[in-house]
């Protein structure tokens, strides 16, 4: 067990537990000034490639329902993996403890889990160890953790994960593919529905034999509360023959959305419709929606009919930003850009640049980045918005740098405004402004100002940003 601090940067706070491949600690990052999780894997005893696979997979993934990856290092034959520190309860524990929120949110939870796996597959990764114990329920919703067994599509074969969730073809020695993850998803959904694992046994051999024999008993005694079509969908996921399962998560999602009967499952399905305004108004959360009926009516009134644009002022109601937050968390950026973004007007996009009231820094960055890309394509941005952009620049790095970029790209007086903001001596503001200046055509005035800042400031990232501009644009500015 680790007892000493890690260099000058990391302070060990407490040991959190052990997994199949290493110990996990809560540590304090003195540079970022925040708590992070540290997983340590001994790569002397383990295959080095296996130990590094988790880091490689996490580098490919950026999604609100997947644990955030910060950094990795190799020290004295051990892999140090630094990730987001999560507080929550595993889905396995909630099912075991008979938590009513699990069954009450079956469809919403299932959709979130499947959409997250779809995102993973679309990035060319097979998880290989999907199970309820690797899904954490936090204040921010569902989080997938532990990618230690994940495999890049068409890459090298990888050992099977937890036996109770392993597809029969993998137990026979065949490689994992999307359909083997679909089988594991079926095990998770069956577990949520019945509060029992699909394949149980006193020994590994017993579990293995039950998986190889075929699907588990159909949970018909749940048919009165859970739609029979949903049960059929789950049982198809658990088919022994991979050819008879769903080909991918998109097909599985489509089957759930198109259930024909008006049941509890179907009512949740209605919240997944194709109406962009209604999508924003829907709430996908494991925690029960506590908004009153009056608030729901007020929100619905703020959204116009399908296909029309929102008519909101720059002072956009926080509830609208929270609906956007909810949608991105549980459907992903790609779905938001495709289904929701075309329905938003200029005012909402500007509000998304600085989504005040949104707690998650990940979602704030996502919303800000989406808004920036959309706004850069527009030609109808009035000068009256300049004070809003300046305010954003003075607020924070993630949103401030995007506003500085927009200011630089869209307004003639951007150089003058940004240079005047350099009088603010805070490093965070300086970094935002330098980001905007870098988007402007090079000039001798910018070059000279940044050279002065480089000589006066001691913060490494400010000096680096100034040096990069001087190095890349020095020749052009001198020529001018």
Protein backbone atom coordinates (compact mmCIF):
# COMPACT_ATOMS: atom_id res chain seq x y z
CA UNK A 1 0.00 0.00 0.00
CA UNK A 2 1.27 3.47 -0.91
CA UNK A 3 2.15 5.57 2.14
CA UNK A 4 4.43 8.29 0.79
CA UNK A 5 3.47 11.31 -1.28
CA UNK A 6 4.24 11.26 -5.01
CA UNK A 7 6.86 13.89 -5.73
CA UNK A 8 6.04 17.50 -4.93
CA UNK A 9 2.73 17.53 -6.79
CA UNK A 10 0.56 14.76 -5.29
CA UNK A 11 -0.42 14.23 -1.65
CA UNK A 12 -1.89 10.87 -0.62
CA UNK A 13 -5.19 11.39 1.24
CA UNK A 14 -6.56 7.86 1.72
CA UNK A 15 -6.70 4.36 0.28
CA UNK A 16 -10.05 3.66 -1.40
CA UNK A 17 -9.76 -0.04 -2.17
CA UNK A 18 -8.36 -2.66 -4.50
CA UNK A 19 -9.51 -4.01 -7.85
CA UNK A 20 -8.43 -6.88 -10.02
CA UNK A 21 -5.44 -4.98 -11.32
CA UNK A 22 -4.37 -2.57 -8.60
CA UNK A 23 -5.01 -0.26 -5.66
CA UNK A 24 -7.00 2.97 -5.82
CA UNK A 25 -6.28 6.09 -3.75
CA UNK A 26 -7.75 9.52 -3.19
CA UNK A 27 -5.01 12.09 -3.66
CA UNK A 28 -4.65 15.88 -3.70
CA UNK A 29 -3.21 17.46 -6.85
CA UNK A 30 -1.39 20.58 -5.62
CA UNK A 31 -1.06 21.97 -9.15
CA UNK A 32 -4.72 21.64 -10.14
CA UNK A 33 -5.81 22.18 -6.51
CA UNK A 34 -8.38 19.41 -6.57
CA UNK A 35 -8.92 15.84 -5.41
CA UNK A 36 -8.33 13.13 -8.01
CA UNK A 37 -8.32 9.35 -8.03
CA UNK A 38 -5.10 7.39 -8.52
CA UNK A 39 -5.04 3.77 -9.65
CA UNK A 40 -1.68 1.99 -9.37
CA UNK A 41 -1.01 -1.15 -11.40
CA UNK A 42 2.08 -3.30 -10.93
CA UNK A 43 3.31 -3.83 -14.49
CA UNK A 44 6.18 -6.03 -13.39
CA UNK A 45 3.73 -8.86 -12.71
CA UNK A 46 1.22 -7.86 -15.41
CA UNK A 47 1.58 -7.60 -19.16
CA UNK A 48 2.79 -4.03 -19.82
CA UNK A 49 0.45 -3.56 -22.77
CA UNK A 50 -2.46 -4.77 -20.67
CA UNK A 51 -1.63 -2.26 -17.95
CA UNK A 52 -1.43 0.64 -20.40
CA UNK A 53 -4.57 -0.34 -22.28
CA UNK A 54 -6.87 1.47 -19.84
CA UNK A 55 -4.97 4.73 -20.30
CA UNK A 56 -5.06 4.42 -24.09
CA UNK A 57 -8.81 3.78 -24.08
CA UNK A 58 -9.59 6.67 -21.74
CA UNK A 59 -7.57 9.01 -23.94
CA UNK A 60 -10.00 8.22 -26.76
CA UNK A 61 -13.11 8.94 -24.67
CA UNK A 62 -14.69 12.23 -23.62
CA UNK A 63 -18.29 11.78 -22.50
CA UNK A 64 -20.33 13.00 -19.50
CA UNK A 65 -21.15 9.41 -18.52
CA UNK A 66 -17.54 8.18 -18.57
CA UNK A 67 -14.94 8.81 -15.88
CA UNK A 68 -12.60 11.64 -16.90
CA UNK A 69 -8.96 10.84 -17.58
CA UNK A 70 -6.26 13.31 -16.48
CA UNK A 71 -2.83 11.75 -16.83
CA UNK A 72 -0.73 8.59 -16.56
CA UNK A 73 2.87 7.95 -15.55
CA UNK A 74 5.15 4.93 -15.22
CA UNK A 75 7.17 4.90 -12.00
CA UNK A 76 9.47 2.09 -10.88
CA UNK A 77 7.67 -0.60 -12.84
CA UNK A 78 4.16 0.57 -11.93
CA UNK A 79 1.51 2.42 -13.91
CA UNK A 80 0.03 5.49 -12.19
CA UNK A 81 -3.36 6.33 -13.70
CA UNK A 82 -4.91 9.67 -12.64
CA UNK A 83 -8.65 10.07 -13.18
CA UNK A 84 -11.67 11.99 -11.95
CA UNK A 85 -12.56 11.24 -8.31
CA UNK A 86 -16.16 10.07 -8.21
CA UNK A 87 -18.52 9.91 -5.25
CA UNK A 88 -21.44 7.56 -5.68
CA UNK A 89 -22.84 4.04 -5.40
CA UNK A 90 -22.42 1.23 -7.87
CA UNK A 91 -25.48 0.02 -9.74
CA UNK A 92 -24.73 -3.46 -8.39
CA UNK A 93 -25.01 -2.20 -4.79
CA UNK A 94 -28.28 -0.37 -5.48
CA UNK A 95 -29.78 -3.48 -7.05
CA UNK A 96 -28.55 -5.65 -4.18
CA UNK A 97 -30.00 -3.22 -1.61
CA UNK A 98 -33.32 -3.18 -3.48
CA UNK A 99 -33.16 0.58 -4.05
CA UNK A 100 -36.53 1.64 -5.57
CA UNK A 101 -34.87 4.29 -7.80
CA UNK A 102 -33.44 1.49 -9.94
CA UNK A 103 -36.73 -0.10 -10.99
CA UNK A 104 -38.54 3.26 -11.09
CA UNK A 105 -36.05 4.60 -13.63
CA UNK A 106 -35.58 1.41 -15.65
CA UNK A 107 -36.08 2.85 -19.14
CA UNK A 108 -34.21 6.08 -18.50
CA UNK A 109 -31.31 4.20 -16.93
CA UNK A 110 -31.25 1.61 -19.71
CA UNK A 111 -31.16 4.29 -22.41
CA UNK A 112 -28.30 6.14 -20.73
CA UNK A 113 -26.27 2.96 -20.35
CA UNK A 114 -26.86 1.84 -23.94
CA UNK A 115 -26.11 5.28 -25.39
CA UNK A 116 -22.86 5.42 -23.48
CA UNK A 117 -21.81 2.02 -24.83
CA UNK A 118 -22.82 3.19 -28.32
CA UNK A 119 -20.45 6.15 -27.88
CA UNK A 120 -17.65 3.79 -26.77
CA UNK A 121 -18.22 1.52 -29.78
CA UNK A 122 -18.31 4.47 -32.16
CA UNK A 123 -14.81 5.34 -30.94
CA UNK A 124 -13.62 1.90 -32.04
CA UNK A 125 -13.44 0.43 -28.53
CA UNK A 126 -14.96 -2.73 -27.06
CA UNK A 127 -15.38 -2.47 -23.29
CA UNK A 128 -15.04 -6.23 -22.57
CA UNK A 129 -15.99 -5.89 -18.89
CA UNK A 130 -19.45 -4.31 -18.79
CA UNK A 131 -21.16 -5.09 -15.49
CA UNK A 132 -23.32 -3.35 -12.92
CA UNK A 133 -20.33 -3.00 -10.59
CA UNK A 134 -18.54 -0.87 -13.20
CA UNK A 135 -21.44 1.61 -13.44
CA UNK A 136 -21.50 4.26 -10.76
CA UNK A 137 -24.51 6.43 -9.88
CA UNK A 138 -23.31 9.89 -8.81
CA UNK A 139 -24.88 13.31 -8.28
CA UNK A 140 -24.11 14.03 -11.93
CA UNK A 141 -25.81 10.82 -13.10
CA UNK A 142 -24.38 7.56 -14.43
CA UNK A 143 -20.61 7.15 -14.76
CA UNK A 144 -18.82 4.25 -16.44
CA UNK A 145 -15.61 3.31 -14.65
CA UNK A 146 -12.79 0.79 -15.08
CA UNK A 147 -11.66 0.31 -18.68
CA UNK A 148 -8.84 -2.04 -17.76
CA UNK A 149 -10.03 -4.75 -20.15
CA UNK A 150 -11.17 -2.50 -23.01
CA UNK A 151 -9.89 -3.49 -26.43
CA UNK A 152 -9.49 -1.52 -29.63
CA UNK A 153 -11.66 -2.96 -32.42
CA UNK A 154 -9.78 -5.39 -34.63
CA UNK A 155 -6.84 -5.19 -32.23
CA UNK A 156 -5.38 -7.97 -30.17
CA UNK A 157 -7.58 -10.49 -28.40
CA UNK A 158 -8.20 -9.84 -24.76
CA UNK A 159 -9.18 -12.05 -21.85
CA UNK A 160 -12.78 -12.18 -20.73
CA UNK A 161 -14.06 -9.94 -17.96
CA UNK A 162 -16.31 -10.91 -15.06
CA UNK A 163 -17.63 -14.41 -15.73
CA UNK A 164 -21.32 -13.68 -14.98
CA UNK A 165 -21.45 -11.05 -17.75
CA UNK A 166 -19.27 -12.80 -20.35
CA UNK A 167 -20.75 -13.83 -23.71
CA UNK A 168 -20.70 -17.58 -24.50
CA UNK A 169 -18.59 -17.14 -27.64
CA UNK A 170 -15.91 -15.38 -25.57
CA UNK A 171 -15.95 -18.26 -23.06
CA UNK A 172 -15.27 -20.55 -26.03
CA UNK A 173 -12.16 -18.57 -26.91
CA UNK A 174 -13.50 -16.30 -29.64
CA UNK A 175 -12.55 -12.57 -29.63
CA UNK A 176 -14.80 -9.89 -28.19
CA UNK A 177 -16.82 -7.69 -30.52
CA UNK A 178 -19.79 -5.33 -30.26
CA UNK A 179 -22.20 -8.24 -29.90
CA UNK A 180 -20.33 -9.59 -26.88
CA UNK A 181 -20.78 -6.18 -25.23
CA UNK A 182 -24.48 -6.38 -26.23
CA UNK A 183 -24.67 -9.68 -24.30
CA UNK A 184 -23.15 -7.98 -21.23
CA UNK A 185 -25.67 -5.15 -21.61
CA UNK A 186 -28.43 -7.75 -21.61
CA UNK A 187 -27.07 -9.14 -18.33
CA UNK A 188 -27.16 -5.66 -16.79
CA UNK A 189 -30.70 -4.94 -18.00
CA UNK A 190 -31.90 -8.35 -16.78
CA UNK A 191 -30.36 -7.59 -13.40
CA UNK A 192 -32.13 -4.23 -13.19
CA UNK A 193 -35.47 -5.83 -14.11
CA UNK A 194 -35.33 -8.88 -11.84
CA UNK A 195 -32.91 -7.74 -9.10
CA UNK A 196 -31.00 -10.96 -9.76
CA UNK A 197 -28.04 -11.73 -11.96
CA UNK A 198 -28.95 -13.48 -15.19
CA UNK A 199 -26.34 -16.17 -14.60
CA UNK A 200 -25.55 -17.17 -11.03
CA UNK A 201 -23.78 -20.11 -9.43
CA UNK A 202 -21.66 -21.20 -6.52
CA UNK A 203 -18.60 -21.74 -8.70
CA UNK A 204 -17.14 -20.32 -11.89
CA UNK A 205 -17.69 -23.63 -13.66
CA UNK A 206 -21.40 -23.65 -12.79
CA UNK A 207 -21.83 -20.08 -14.09
CA UNK A 208 -19.87 -20.91 -17.22
CA UNK A 209 -22.02 -23.94 -17.98
CA UNK A 210 -25.26 -21.99 -17.49
CA UNK A 211 -24.08 -19.28 -19.91
CA UNK A 212 -23.07 -21.88 -22.51
CA UNK A 213 -26.40 -23.72 -22.20
CA UNK A 214 -28.43 -20.72 -23.25
CA UNK A 215 -30.37 -17.68 -21.99
CA UNK A 216 -31.70 -17.50 -18.43
CA UNK A 217 -35.30 -18.07 -17.43
CA UNK A 218 -37.62 -15.45 -18.89
CA UNK A 219 -38.74 -13.04 -16.14
CA UNK A 220 -42.41 -13.46 -17.05
CA UNK A 221 -43.62 -12.61 -13.53
CA UNK A 222 -42.51 -9.03 -14.24
CA UNK A 223 -44.65 -8.78 -17.36
CA UNK A 224 -47.47 -7.00 -15.53
CA UNK A 225 -45.21 -4.11 -14.58
CA UNK A 226 -42.61 -4.14 -17.33
CA UNK A 227 -43.66 -4.21 -20.96
CA UNK A 228 -43.44 -7.67 -22.53
CA UNK A 229 -41.67 -6.15 -25.52
CA UNK A 230 -38.89 -4.85 -23.29
CA UNK A 231 -38.44 -8.33 -21.81
CA UNK A 232 -38.18 -9.75 -25.34
CA UNK A 233 -35.55 -7.16 -26.21
CA UNK A 234 -33.45 -8.09 -23.19
CA UNK A 235 -33.77 -11.79 -23.93
CA UNK A 236 -32.62 -11.17 -27.50
CA UNK A 237 -29.48 -9.52 -26.10
CA UNK A 238 -28.85 -12.70 -24.11
CA UNK A 239 -29.21 -15.08 -27.05
CA UNK A 240 -26.47 -17.71 -27.09
CA UNK A 241 -25.94 -17.14 -30.81
CA UNK A 242 -24.32 -13.72 -31.45
CA UNK A 243 -25.87 -13.66 -34.94
CA UNK A 244 -29.32 -13.53 -33.34
CA UNK A 245 -28.53 -10.61 -31.04
CA UNK A 246 -28.69 -6.96 -32.00
CA UNK A 247 -25.83 -6.02 -34.30
CA UNK A 248 -25.00 -2.86 -32.39
CA UNK A 249 -26.28 -0.40 -29.79
CA UNK A 250 -28.02 1.77 -32.39
CA UNK A 251 -30.21 -1.19 -33.35
CA UNK A 252 -30.87 -1.96 -29.68
CA UNK A 253 -31.87 1.64 -28.96
CA UNK A 254 -34.15 1.68 -31.97
CA UNK A 255 -35.92 -1.44 -30.72
CA UNK A 256 -36.56 0.12 -27.29
CA UNK A 257 -37.76 3.43 -28.71
CA UNK A 258 -40.21 1.74 -31.07
CA UNK A 259 -42.01 -0.38 -28.46
CA UNK A 260 -45.68 -0.41 -29.50
CA UNK A 261 -47.59 -0.71 -26.21
CA UNK A 262 -48.61 2.10 -23.85
CA UNK A 263 -46.94 0.98 -20.65
CA UNK A 264 -44.58 2.56 -18.15
CA UNK A 265 -41.77 1.75 -20.56
CA UNK A 266 -43.63 3.42 -23.43
CA UNK A 267 -44.35 6.57 -21.43
CA UNK A 268 -40.61 6.96 -20.92
CA UNK A 269 -40.19 6.26 -24.61
CA UNK A 270 -42.29 9.32 -25.42
CA UNK A 271 -39.58 11.44 -23.79
CA UNK A 272 -37.15 10.20 -26.42
CA UNK A 273 -39.17 11.39 -29.40
CA UNK A 274 -37.77 13.39 -32.31
CA UNK A 275 -39.27 16.76 -31.28
CA UNK A 276 -36.22 18.93 -30.39
CA UNK A 277 -38.16 21.28 -28.08
CA UNK A 278 -39.66 18.35 -26.21
CA UNK A 279 -36.28 16.67 -26.02
CA UNK A 280 -34.87 19.69 -24.22
CA UNK A 281 -37.80 19.61 -21.83
CA UNK A 282 -37.35 15.93 -20.96
CA UNK A 283 -35.45 14.94 -17.83
CA UNK A 284 -33.20 11.85 -17.95
CA UNK A 285 -32.02 11.24 -14.39
CA UNK A 286 -31.77 8.37 -11.94
CA UNK A 287 -32.94 10.72 -9.23
CA UNK A 288 -36.69 11.29 -9.25
CA UNK A 289 -37.72 14.49 -11.07
CA UNK A 290 -38.89 16.81 -8.28
CA UNK A 291 -39.97 19.75 -10.41
CA UNK A 292 -43.58 20.66 -9.76
CA UNK A 293 -46.22 20.45 -12.45
CA UNK A 294 -46.33 24.24 -12.55
CA UNK A 295 -42.61 24.44 -13.30
CA UNK A 296 -42.95 21.84 -16.03
CA UNK A 297 -45.76 23.85 -17.62
CA UNK A 298 -43.68 27.00 -17.42
CA UNK A 299 -40.77 25.25 -19.10
CA UNK A 300 -42.98 23.79 -21.82
CA UNK A 301 -44.37 27.27 -22.49
CA UNK A 302 -40.84 28.61 -23.02
CA UNK A 303 -40.33 26.23 -25.94
CA UNK A 304 -42.11 26.76 -29.21
CA UNK A 305 -43.62 24.11 -31.45
CA UNK A 306 -41.41 21.49 -33.15
CA UNK A 307 -39.26 22.85 -35.92
CA UNK A 308 -39.59 26.49 -34.86
CA UNK A 309 -36.93 28.57 -33.13
CA UNK A 310 -36.81 29.57 -29.50
CA UNK A 311 -37.73 33.16 -28.76
CA UNK A 312 -35.61 34.00 -25.74
CA UNK A 313 -33.70 37.08 -24.61
CA UNK A 314 -29.95 37.13 -23.91
CA UNK A 315 -30.84 36.69 -20.26
CA UNK A 316 -31.89 33.10 -20.96
CA UNK A 317 -33.81 31.37 -18.20
CA UNK A 318 -31.53 29.03 -16.25
CA UNK A 319 -34.07 26.23 -16.62
CA UNK A 320 -33.42 26.13 -20.38
CA UNK A 321 -29.67 25.73 -19.85
CA UNK A 322 -30.38 22.95 -17.38
CA UNK A 323 -32.52 21.14 -19.95
CA UNK A 324 -29.62 21.39 -22.41
CA UNK A 325 -27.34 20.12 -19.63
CA UNK A 326 -29.64 17.11 -19.07
CA UNK A 327 -29.79 16.28 -22.76
CA UNK A 328 -26.02 16.41 -23.32
CA UNK A 329 -25.36 14.26 -20.22
CA UNK A 330 -27.62 11.46 -21.30
CA UNK A 331 -27.58 11.64 -25.10
CA UNK A 332 -24.13 13.00 -25.90
CA UNK A 333 -22.79 15.98 -27.83
CA UNK A 334 -23.32 14.39 -31.24
CA UNK A 335 -27.06 13.87 -30.69
CA UNK A 336 -27.42 17.41 -29.30
CA UNK A 337 -25.70 18.97 -32.30
CA UNK A 338 -27.84 16.96 -34.70
CA UNK A 339 -31.24 17.13 -33.00
CA UNK A 340 -31.29 20.27 -30.84
CA UNK A 341 -28.76 22.80 -32.07
CA UNK A 342 -30.63 23.74 -35.29
CA UNK A 343 -33.62 24.83 -33.15
CA UNK A 344 -31.67 27.31 -31.00
CA UNK A 345 -31.41 31.01 -31.77
CA UNK A 346 -28.56 33.46 -31.26
CA UNK A 347 -29.47 34.35 -27.68
CA UNK A 348 -29.41 30.75 -26.48
CA UNK A 349 -26.05 30.15 -28.17
CA UNK A 350 -24.57 33.20 -26.45
CA UNK A 351 -25.92 31.97 -23.10
CA UNK A 352 -24.28 28.59 -23.76
CA UNK A 353 -20.91 30.33 -24.16
CA UNK A 354 -21.04 31.07 -20.44
CA UNK A 355 -23.60 28.63 -18.96
CA UNK A 356 -23.93 30.20 -15.53
CA UNK A 357 -25.59 27.84 -13.06
CA UNK A 358 -24.35 24.61 -14.68
CA UNK A 359 -22.28 22.83 -12.02
CA UNK A 360 -20.31 20.32 -14.06
CA UNK A 361 -17.15 21.78 -15.61
CA UNK A 362 -17.27 19.02 -18.25
CA UNK A 363 -20.76 20.04 -19.39
CA UNK A 364 -19.90 23.73 -19.19
CA UNK A 365 -16.95 23.17 -21.50
CA UNK A 366 -19.03 21.01 -23.82
CA UNK A 367 -21.81 23.62 -24.08
CA UNK A 368 -19.31 26.42 -24.59
CA UNK A 369 -17.40 24.56 -27.31
CA UNK A 370 -20.60 23.67 -29.17
CA UNK A 371 -21.82 27.28 -29.00
CA UNK A 372 -18.49 28.64 -30.23
CA UNK A 373 -18.47 26.40 -33.31
CA UNK A 374 -22.06 27.36 -34.11
CA UNK A 375 -21.50 31.10 -33.59
CA UNK A 376 -18.35 31.15 -35.73
CA UNK A 377 -20.51 30.03 -38.66
CA UNK A 378 -22.93 32.93 -38.26
CA UNK A 379 -22.77 36.45 -39.70
CA UNK A 380 -25.57 38.02 -37.64
CA UNK A 381 -23.76 38.71 -34.35
CA UNK A 382 -24.53 42.32 -33.26
CA UNK A 383 -21.98 44.61 -31.61
CA UNK A 384 -24.26 44.83 -28.59
CA UNK A 385 -22.96 41.39 -27.56
CA UNK A 386 -19.38 42.60 -27.09
CA UNK A 387 -19.92 43.43 -23.36
CA UNK A 388 -21.25 39.89 -22.87
CA UNK A 389 -18.14 38.41 -24.47
CA UNK A 390 -15.84 40.66 -22.43
CA UNK A 391 -17.64 39.60 -19.25
CA UNK A 392 -17.07 35.96 -20.21
CA UNK A 393 -13.37 36.59 -20.79
CA UNK A 394 -13.11 37.94 -17.25
CA UNK A 395 -14.98 34.94 -15.83
CA UNK A 396 -13.05 31.74 -16.46
CA UNK A 397 -10.68 29.90 -18.74
CA UNK A 398 -12.88 27.35 -20.49
CA UNK A 399 -15.63 29.79 -21.39
CA UNK A 400 -13.38 32.85 -21.48
CA UNK A 401 -11.05 31.54 -24.17
CA UNK A 402 -14.04 30.71 -26.41
CA UNK A 403 -15.48 34.20 -26.01
CA UNK A 404 -12.06 35.70 -26.74
CA UNK A 405 -11.85 33.59 -29.90
CA UNK A 406 -15.33 34.68 -31.00
CA UNK A 407 -14.49 38.33 -30.31
CA UNK A 408 -11.28 38.05 -32.34
CA UNK A 409 -12.96 36.36 -35.31
CA UNK A 410 -16.14 38.45 -35.56
CA UNK A 411 -15.45 42.07 -34.52
CA UNK A 412 -13.24 44.72 -36.11
CA UNK A 413 -12.20 46.31 -32.80
CA UNK A 414 -11.14 42.98 -31.27
CA UNK A 415 -7.41 43.79 -31.09
CA UNK A 416 -8.01 47.07 -29.28
CA UNK A 417 -10.47 45.48 -26.83
CA UNK A 418 -8.28 42.47 -26.08
CA UNK A 419 -5.14 44.55 -25.60
CA UNK A 420 -7.00 46.80 -23.15
CA UNK A 421 -7.99 43.70 -21.15
CA UNK A 422 -4.31 42.86 -20.66
CA UNK A 423 -4.30 45.54 -17.95
CA UNK A 424 -6.04 42.94 -15.81
CA UNK A 425 -3.13 41.17 -14.17
CA UNK A 426 -4.80 37.87 -13.27
CA UNK A 427 -3.14 34.94 -15.04
CA UNK A 428 -6.47 33.36 -15.91
CA UNK A 429 -7.63 36.51 -17.72
CA UNK A 430 -4.27 36.90 -19.45
CA UNK A 431 -4.51 33.35 -20.78
CA UNK A 432 -7.99 34.02 -22.18
CA UNK A 433 -6.87 37.23 -23.86
CA UNK A 434 -3.74 35.63 -25.35
CA UNK A 435 -5.95 32.89 -26.79
CA UNK A 436 -8.02 35.55 -28.54
CA UNK A 437 -4.97 37.51 -29.74
CA UNK A 438 -3.60 34.33 -31.29
CA UNK A 439 -6.71 34.19 -33.49
CA UNK A 440 -6.05 37.69 -34.88
CA UNK A 441 -3.80 38.55 -37.81
CA UNK A 442 -0.27 39.07 -36.43
CA UNK A 443 0.78 42.63 -35.70
CA UNK A 444 3.84 44.38 -34.27
CA UNK A 445 1.73 45.78 -31.43
CA UNK A 446 0.52 42.34 -30.30
CA UNK A 447 4.05 40.98 -30.70
CA UNK A 448 5.57 43.74 -28.54
CA UNK A 449 2.87 43.48 -25.86
CA UNK A 450 3.22 39.72 -25.51
CA UNK A 451 7.00 39.99 -25.42
CA UNK A 452 6.68 42.38 -22.47
CA UNK A 453 4.28 40.01 -20.68
CA UNK A 454 6.66 37.11 -21.32
CA UNK A 455 9.49 39.00 -19.60
CA UNK A 456 7.35 40.16 -16.66
CA UNK A 457 5.24 37.10 -15.81
CA UNK A 458 6.52 33.96 -14.10
CA UNK A 459 3.55 31.60 -14.54
CA UNK A 460 4.69 28.85 -16.89
CA UNK A 461 1.51 28.61 -19.00
CA UNK A 462 1.44 32.38 -19.56
CA UNK A 463 5.08 32.38 -20.62
CA UNK A 464 4.48 29.37 -22.85
CA UNK A 465 1.48 31.02 -24.58
CA UNK A 466 3.43 34.23 -25.16
CA UNK A 467 6.47 32.35 -26.41
CA UNK A 468 4.38 30.30 -28.83
CA UNK A 469 2.87 33.45 -30.37
CA UNK A 470 6.25 35.20 -30.59
CA UNK A 471 7.90 32.13 -32.07
CA UNK A 472 5.15 31.51 -34.66
CA UNK A 473 4.42 35.11 -35.65
CA UNK A 474 7.64 37.00 -34.95
CA UNK A 475 8.88 36.88 -38.50
CA UNK A 476 5.59 38.08 -39.97
CA UNK A 477 5.19 40.94 -37.49
CA UNK A 478 8.73 42.19 -38.11
CA UNK A 479 8.09 42.12 -41.87
CA UNK A 480 5.04 44.30 -41.39
